[in-house]
Amino acid sequence: MIDNPNYFEVKSALSWDEYFMLQAMMASFKSKDPATKVGSVFVDANNHQITMGYNGFIAGIDEAKLPWGKDKSQPLEHQKYGYVVHSEANAILHSPRSLRGSRCYVTLFPCNECAKLLASSGVTEVIYLSNKHKETESHKIAKKIFSLAGIEHRQLIPTEELLDKFSDHLRSMI
């Protein structure tokens, strides 16, 4: 600690992982998907944000003409799955520069389709918040893609301290 009274030790700063995951969470709030809101943020080695994305319909298409339903007993054309662009794909499509060597912070472990895009884009690490589909074939394929491409992946589990800090800060702002 510095013995100068004009300085103070900052104890409440977020880690980079916490900071970028909170940004991914904020991006997820933009999704209109009533069931699964996913957000992602891509950052470079200097912790500079490159791009972000969220689950949404295809850009330029009238969303009012597309379904948000997910009843798998219906044909695919009547379900959201045929039309939604995942957050990682949206971020990659809208990136202003190469993602080679970047990290991806995402609120839900990527599906196999997004894993292919992440590997092809040169992403080196995926940090995810939730893994609710870990028993699916898509998850197993995504993990295999990450392994073959040398992409590290790990779950960020928020601490009670972070959750308390976030809610206290939010309450102080309103």
C-alpha atoms as a PDB file:
ATOM      1  CA  MET A   1       0.000   0.000   0.000  1.00  0.00           C
ATOM      2  CA  ILE A   2       1.203   3.520  -0.802  1.00  0.00           C
ATOM      3  CA  ASP A   3       1.757   5.819   2.209  1.00  0.00           C
ATOM      4  CA  ASN A   4       0.446   8.864   0.344  1.00  0.00           C
ATOM      5  CA  PRO A   5      -2.973  10.110   1.587  1.00  0.00           C
ATOM      6  CA  ASN A   6      -3.874  11.172  -1.978  1.00  0.00           C
ATOM      7  CA  TYR A   7      -3.943   7.533  -3.078  1.00  0.00           C
ATOM      8  CA  PHE A   8      -6.156   4.684  -1.993  1.00  0.00           C
ATOM      9  CA  GLU A   9      -6.173   0.995  -2.710  1.00  0.00           C
ATOM     10  CA  VAL A  10      -8.956  -0.124  -5.016  1.00  0.00           C
ATOM     11  CA  LYS A  11     -10.354  -3.390  -3.695  1.00  0.00           C
ATOM     12  CA  SER A  12     -13.576  -3.695  -5.636  1.00  0.00           C
ATOM     13  CA  ALA A  13     -12.310  -3.822  -9.229  1.00  0.00           C
ATOM     14  CA  LEU A  14     -13.643  -6.621 -11.402  1.00  0.00           C
ATOM     15  CA  SER A  15     -11.345  -9.185 -12.957  1.00  0.00           C
ATOM     16  CA  TRP A  16     -11.161  -9.110 -16.769  1.00  0.00           C
ATOM     17  CA  ASP A  17     -13.171 -12.346 -16.875  1.00  0.00           C
ATOM     18  CA  GLU A  18     -15.924 -10.837 -14.725  1.00  0.00           C
ATOM     19  CA  TYR A  19     -15.913  -7.587 -16.691  1.00  0.00           C
ATOM     20  CA  PHE A  20     -16.258  -9.231 -20.104  1.00  0.00           C
ATOM     21  CA  MET A  21     -18.802 -11.792 -18.909  1.00  0.00           C
ATOM     22  CA  LEU A  22     -20.948  -8.951 -17.573  1.00  0.00           C
ATOM     23  CA  GLN A  23     -20.682  -7.353 -21.035  1.00  0.00           C
ATOM     24  CA  ALA A  24     -21.775 -10.634 -22.634  1.00  0.00           C
ATOM     25  CA  MET A  25     -24.701 -10.729 -20.228  1.00  0.00           C
ATOM     26  CA  MET A  26     -25.643  -7.181 -21.210  1.00  0.00           C
ATOM     27  CA  ALA A  27     -25.506  -8.157 -24.892  1.00  0.00           C
ATOM     28  CA  SER A  28     -27.818 -11.096 -24.157  1.00  0.00           C
ATOM     29  CA  PHE A  29     -30.484  -8.683 -22.877  1.00  0.00           C
ATOM     30  CA  LYS A  30     -30.779  -7.337 -26.436  1.00  0.00           C
ATOM     31  CA  SER A  31     -32.047 -10.696 -27.711  1.00  0.00           C
ATOM     32  CA  LYS A  32     -35.781 -10.859 -28.393  1.00  0.00           C
ATOM     33  CA  ASP A  33     -35.765 -14.635 -28.014  1.00  0.00           C
ATOM     34  CA  PRO A  34     -38.279 -15.320 -25.236  1.00  0.00           C
ATOM     35  CA  ALA A  35     -36.614 -18.602 -24.205  1.00  0.00           C
ATOM     36  CA  THR A  36     -32.845 -18.447 -24.675  1.00  0.00           C
ATOM     37  CA  LYS A  37     -31.021 -15.137 -24.407  1.00  0.00           C
ATOM     38  CA  VAL A  38     -27.358 -15.548 -25.277  1.00  0.00           C
ATOM     39  CA  GLY A  39     -24.699 -12.858 -25.581  1.00  0.00           C
ATOM     40  CA  SER A  40     -21.028 -12.950 -26.479  1.00  0.00           C
ATOM     41  CA  VAL A  41     -18.034 -10.627 -26.443  1.00  0.00           C
ATOM     42  CA  PHE A  42     -14.720 -11.165 -28.234  1.00  0.00           C
ATOM     43  CA  VAL A  43     -11.538  -9.556 -26.896  1.00  0.00           C
ATOM     44  CA  ASP A  44      -7.934  -9.456 -27.999  1.00  0.00           C
ATOM     45  CA  ALA A  45      -4.769 -10.234 -26.026  1.00  0.00           C
ATOM     46  CA  ASN A  46      -4.693  -6.638 -24.724  1.00  0.00           C
ATOM     47  CA  ASN A  47      -8.216  -6.948 -23.276  1.00  0.00           C
ATOM     48  CA  HIS A  48      -9.687  -4.679 -25.939  1.00  0.00           C
ATOM     49  CA  GLN A  49     -13.170  -5.557 -27.089  1.00  0.00           C
ATOM     50  CA  ILE A  50     -13.312  -6.466 -30.778  1.00  0.00           C
ATOM     51  CA  THR A  51     -16.981  -7.346 -31.292  1.00  0.00           C
ATOM     52  CA  MET A  52     -20.107  -8.537 -29.528  1.00  0.00           C
ATOM     53  CA  GLY A  53     -23.299 -10.319 -30.480  1.00  0.00           C
ATOM     54  CA  TYR A  54     -26.588 -11.729 -29.281  1.00  0.00           C
ATOM     55  CA  ASN A  55     -29.131 -14.279 -30.507  1.00  0.00           C
ATOM     56  CA  GLY A  56     -31.336 -12.690 -33.117  1.00  0.00           C
ATOM     57  CA  PHE A  57     -33.027 -13.161 -36.430  1.00  0.00           C
ATOM     58  CA  ILE A  58     -31.299 -12.677 -39.767  1.00  0.00           C
ATOM     59  CA  ALA A  59     -30.363  -9.031 -40.364  1.00  0.00           C
ATOM     60  CA  GLY A  60     -32.578  -7.251 -42.854  1.00  0.00           C
ATOM     61  CA  ILE A  61     -35.537  -9.641 -42.614  1.00  0.00           C
ATOM     62  CA  ASP A  62     -38.919  -8.575 -41.246  1.00  0.00           C
ATOM     63  CA  GLU A  63     -38.906 -10.283 -37.835  1.00  0.00           C
ATOM     64  CA  ALA A  64     -42.685 -10.099 -37.595  1.00  0.00           C
ATOM     65  CA  LYS A  65     -42.858 -12.776 -40.297  1.00  0.00           C
ATOM     66  CA  LEU A  66     -40.696 -15.277 -38.400  1.00  0.00           C
ATOM     67  CA  PRO A  67     -41.645 -17.578 -35.506  1.00  0.00           C
ATOM     68  CA  TRP A  68     -40.149 -17.568 -32.009  1.00  0.00           C
ATOM     69  CA  GLY A  69     -41.783 -20.931 -31.231  1.00  0.00           C
ATOM     70  CA  LYS A  70     -39.734 -24.011 -30.402  1.00  0.00           C
ATOM     71  CA  ASP A  71     -42.295 -26.802 -30.548  1.00  0.00           C
ATOM     72  CA  LYS A  72     -40.245 -29.598 -32.110  1.00  0.00           C
ATOM     73  CA  SER A  73     -43.414 -31.453 -33.106  1.00  0.00           C
ATOM     74  CA  GLN A  74     -43.914 -28.673 -35.678  1.00  0.00           C
ATOM     75  CA  PRO A  75     -41.980 -28.491 -38.974  1.00  0.00           C
ATOM     76  CA  LEU A  76     -38.683 -26.581 -38.725  1.00  0.00           C
ATOM     77  CA  GLU A  77     -40.145 -23.719 -40.789  1.00  0.00           C
ATOM     78  CA  HIS A  78     -42.516 -23.006 -37.861  1.00  0.00           C
ATOM     79  CA  GLN A  79     -39.762 -22.963 -35.229  1.00  0.00           C
ATOM     80  CA  LYS A  80     -37.172 -20.343 -34.331  1.00  0.00           C
ATOM     81  CA  TYR A  81     -34.305 -22.801 -34.910  1.00  0.00           C
ATOM     82  CA  GLY A  82     -34.389 -22.364 -38.666  1.00  0.00           C
ATOM     83  CA  TYR A  83     -34.006 -18.594 -38.479  1.00  0.00           C
ATOM     84  CA  VAL A  84     -32.084 -17.522 -35.363  1.00  0.00           C
ATOM     85  CA  VAL A  85     -28.445 -16.482 -35.754  1.00  0.00           C
ATOM     86  CA  HIS A  86     -26.518 -17.332 -32.593  1.00  0.00           C
ATOM     87  CA  SER A  87     -24.651 -14.650 -30.676  1.00  0.00           C
ATOM     88  CA  GLU A  88     -21.213 -15.978 -31.629  1.00  0.00           C
ATOM     89  CA  ALA A  89     -22.097 -16.053 -35.333  1.00  0.00           C
ATOM     90  CA  ASN A  90     -23.555 -12.534 -35.144  1.00  0.00           C
ATOM     91  CA  ALA A  91     -20.404 -11.244 -33.452  1.00  0.00           C
ATOM     92  CA  ILE A  92     -18.156 -12.949 -36.020  1.00  0.00           C
ATOM     93  CA  LEU A  93     -20.229 -11.606 -38.928  1.00  0.00           C
ATOM     94  CA  HIS A  94     -20.025  -8.053 -37.591  1.00  0.00           C
ATOM     95  CA  SER A  95     -16.409  -8.054 -36.455  1.00  0.00           C
ATOM     96  CA  PRO A  96     -14.449  -5.086 -37.777  1.00  0.00           C
ATOM     97  CA  ARG A  97     -11.209  -7.103 -37.814  1.00  0.00           C
ATOM     98  CA  SER A  98      -9.694 -10.547 -37.513  1.00  0.00           C
ATOM     99  CA  LEU A  99     -10.514 -12.586 -34.426  1.00  0.00           C
ATOM    100  CA  ARG A 100      -7.304 -14.645 -34.649  1.00  0.00           C
ATOM    101  CA  GLY A 101      -5.876 -15.068 -31.151  1.00  0.00           C
ATOM    102  CA  SER A 102      -8.964 -13.670 -29.419  1.00  0.00           C
ATOM    103  CA  ARG A 103     -10.976 -14.897 -26.440  1.00  0.00           C
ATOM    104  CA  CYS A 104     -14.745 -15.364 -26.595  1.00  0.00           C
ATOM    105  CA  TYR A 105     -16.873 -14.692 -23.521  1.00  0.00           C
ATOM    106  CA  VAL A 106     -20.313 -16.231 -23.992  1.00  0.00           C
ATOM    107  CA  THR A 107     -23.252 -16.762 -21.648  1.00  0.00           C
ATOM    108  CA  LEU A 108     -23.991 -20.293 -22.939  1.00  0.00           C
ATOM    109  CA  PHE A 109     -21.514 -22.965 -24.040  1.00  0.00           C
ATOM    110  CA  PRO A 110     -21.387 -22.839 -27.866  1.00  0.00           C
ATOM    111  CA  CYS A 111     -23.219 -25.345 -30.044  1.00  0.00           C
ATOM    112  CA  ASN A 112     -21.276 -27.375 -32.605  1.00  0.00           C
ATOM    113  CA  GLU A 113     -22.171 -24.938 -35.429  1.00  0.00           C
ATOM    114  CA  CYS A 114     -20.744 -21.992 -33.484  1.00  0.00           C
ATOM    115  CA  ALA A 115     -17.733 -24.100 -32.433  1.00  0.00           C
ATOM    116  CA  LYS A 116     -16.912 -24.529 -36.137  1.00  0.00           C
ATOM    117  CA  LEU A 117     -17.065 -20.759 -36.641  1.00  0.00           C
ATOM    118  CA  LEU A 118     -14.969 -20.072 -33.540  1.00  0.00           C
ATOM    119  CA  ALA A 119     -12.295 -22.538 -34.647  1.00  0.00           C
ATOM    120  CA  SER A 120     -12.273 -21.202 -38.211  1.00  0.00           C
ATOM    121  CA  SER A 121     -11.945 -17.629 -36.888  1.00  0.00           C
ATOM    122  CA  GLY A 122      -8.835 -18.458 -34.857  1.00  0.00           C
ATOM    123  CA  VAL A 123     -10.328 -17.957 -31.404  1.00  0.00           C
ATOM    124  CA  THR A 124      -7.967 -19.407 -28.790  1.00  0.00           C
ATOM    125  CA  GLU A 125     -10.181 -19.534 -25.691  1.00  0.00           C
ATOM    126  CA  VAL A 126     -13.882 -19.723 -24.846  1.00  0.00           C
ATOM    127  CA  ILE A 127     -15.092 -18.641 -21.424  1.00  0.00           C
ATOM    128  CA  TYR A 128     -18.731 -19.531 -20.794  1.00  0.00           C
ATOM    129  CA  LEU A 129     -21.233 -18.920 -18.017  1.00  0.00           C
ATOM    130  CA  SER A 130     -23.772 -21.732 -18.438  1.00  0.00           C
ATOM    131  CA  ASN A 131     -23.564 -25.236 -19.849  1.00  0.00           C
ATOM    132  CA  LYS A 132     -27.186 -26.348 -19.697  1.00  0.00           C
ATOM    133  CA  HIS A 133     -26.916 -28.504 -22.846  1.00  0.00           C
ATOM    134  CA  LYS A 134     -23.865 -30.524 -21.735  1.00  0.00           C
ATOM    135  CA  GLU A 135     -25.627 -33.848 -22.299  1.00  0.00           C
ATOM    136  CA  THR A 136     -26.406 -33.142 -25.967  1.00  0.00           C
ATOM    137  CA  GLU A 137     -24.638 -34.439 -29.039  1.00  0.00           C
ATOM    138  CA  SER A 138     -24.034 -30.843 -30.150  1.00  0.00           C
ATOM    139  CA  HIS A 139     -22.075 -30.195 -26.943  1.00  0.00           C
ATOM    140  CA  LYS A 140     -19.950 -33.309 -27.404  1.00  0.00           C
ATOM    141  CA  ILE A 141     -19.157 -32.307 -30.992  1.00  0.00           C
ATOM    142  CA  ALA A 142     -18.314 -28.738 -29.925  1.00  0.00           C
ATOM    143  CA  LYS A 143     -15.902 -30.061 -27.291  1.00  0.00           C
ATOM    144  CA  LYS A 144     -14.243 -32.303 -29.885  1.00  0.00           C
ATOM    145  CA  ILE A 145     -13.877 -29.342 -32.276  1.00  0.00           C
ATOM    146  CA  PHE A 146     -12.319 -27.268 -29.487  1.00  0.00           C
ATOM    147  CA  SER A 147      -9.929 -30.090 -28.641  1.00  0.00           C
ATOM    148  CA  LEU A 148      -8.859 -30.606 -32.269  1.00  0.00           C
ATOM    149  CA  ALA A 149      -8.451 -26.852 -32.820  1.00  0.00           C
ATOM    150  CA  GLY A 150      -6.553 -26.316 -29.563  1.00  0.00           C
ATOM    151  CA  ILE A 151      -9.213 -23.987 -28.167  1.00  0.00           C
ATOM    152  CA  GLU A 152      -9.154 -23.762 -24.381  1.00  0.00           C
ATOM    153  CA  HIS A 153     -12.564 -23.607 -22.718  1.00  0.00           C
ATOM    154  CA  ARG A 154     -13.601 -23.017 -19.137  1.00  0.00           C
ATOM    155  CA  GLN A 155     -16.637 -22.064 -17.160  1.00  0.00           C
ATOM    156  CA  LEU A 156     -16.725 -18.810 -15.230  1.00  0.00           C
ATOM    157  CA  ILE A 157     -18.689 -19.357 -12.049  1.00  0.00           C
ATOM    158  CA  PRO A 158     -19.648 -16.016 -10.505  1.00  0.00           C
ATOM    159  CA  THR A 159     -18.778 -15.661  -6.842  1.00  0.00           C
ATOM    160  CA  GLU A 160     -21.341 -14.554  -4.283  1.00  0.00           C
ATOM    161  CA  GLU A 161     -19.159 -11.460  -3.819  1.00  0.00           C
ATOM    162  CA  LEU A 162     -19.501 -10.561  -7.505  1.00  0.00           C
ATOM    163  CA  LEU A 163     -23.265 -11.114  -7.477  1.00  0.00           C
ATOM    164  CA  ASP A 164     -23.594  -9.002  -4.317  1.00  0.00           C
ATOM    165  CA  LYS A 165     -21.346  -6.297  -5.768  1.00  0.00           C
ATOM    166  CA  PHE A 166     -23.350  -6.195  -8.985  1.00  0.00           C
ATOM    167  CA  SER A 167     -26.729  -5.999  -7.220  1.00  0.00           C
ATOM    168  CA  ASP A 168     -25.461  -3.401  -4.727  1.00  0.00           C
ATOM    169  CA  HIS A 169     -24.069  -1.282  -7.548  1.00  0.00           C
ATOM    170  CA  LEU A 170     -27.276  -1.607  -9.574  1.00  0.00           C
ATOM    171  CA  ARG A 171     -29.394  -0.596  -6.564  1.00  0.00           C
ATOM    172  CA  SER A 172     -27.156   2.441  -5.924  1.00  0.00           C
ATOM    173  CA  MET A 173     -27.778   3.668  -9.463  1.00  0.00           C
ATOM    174  CA  ILE A 174     -31.577   3.749  -9.224  1.00  0.00           C
END
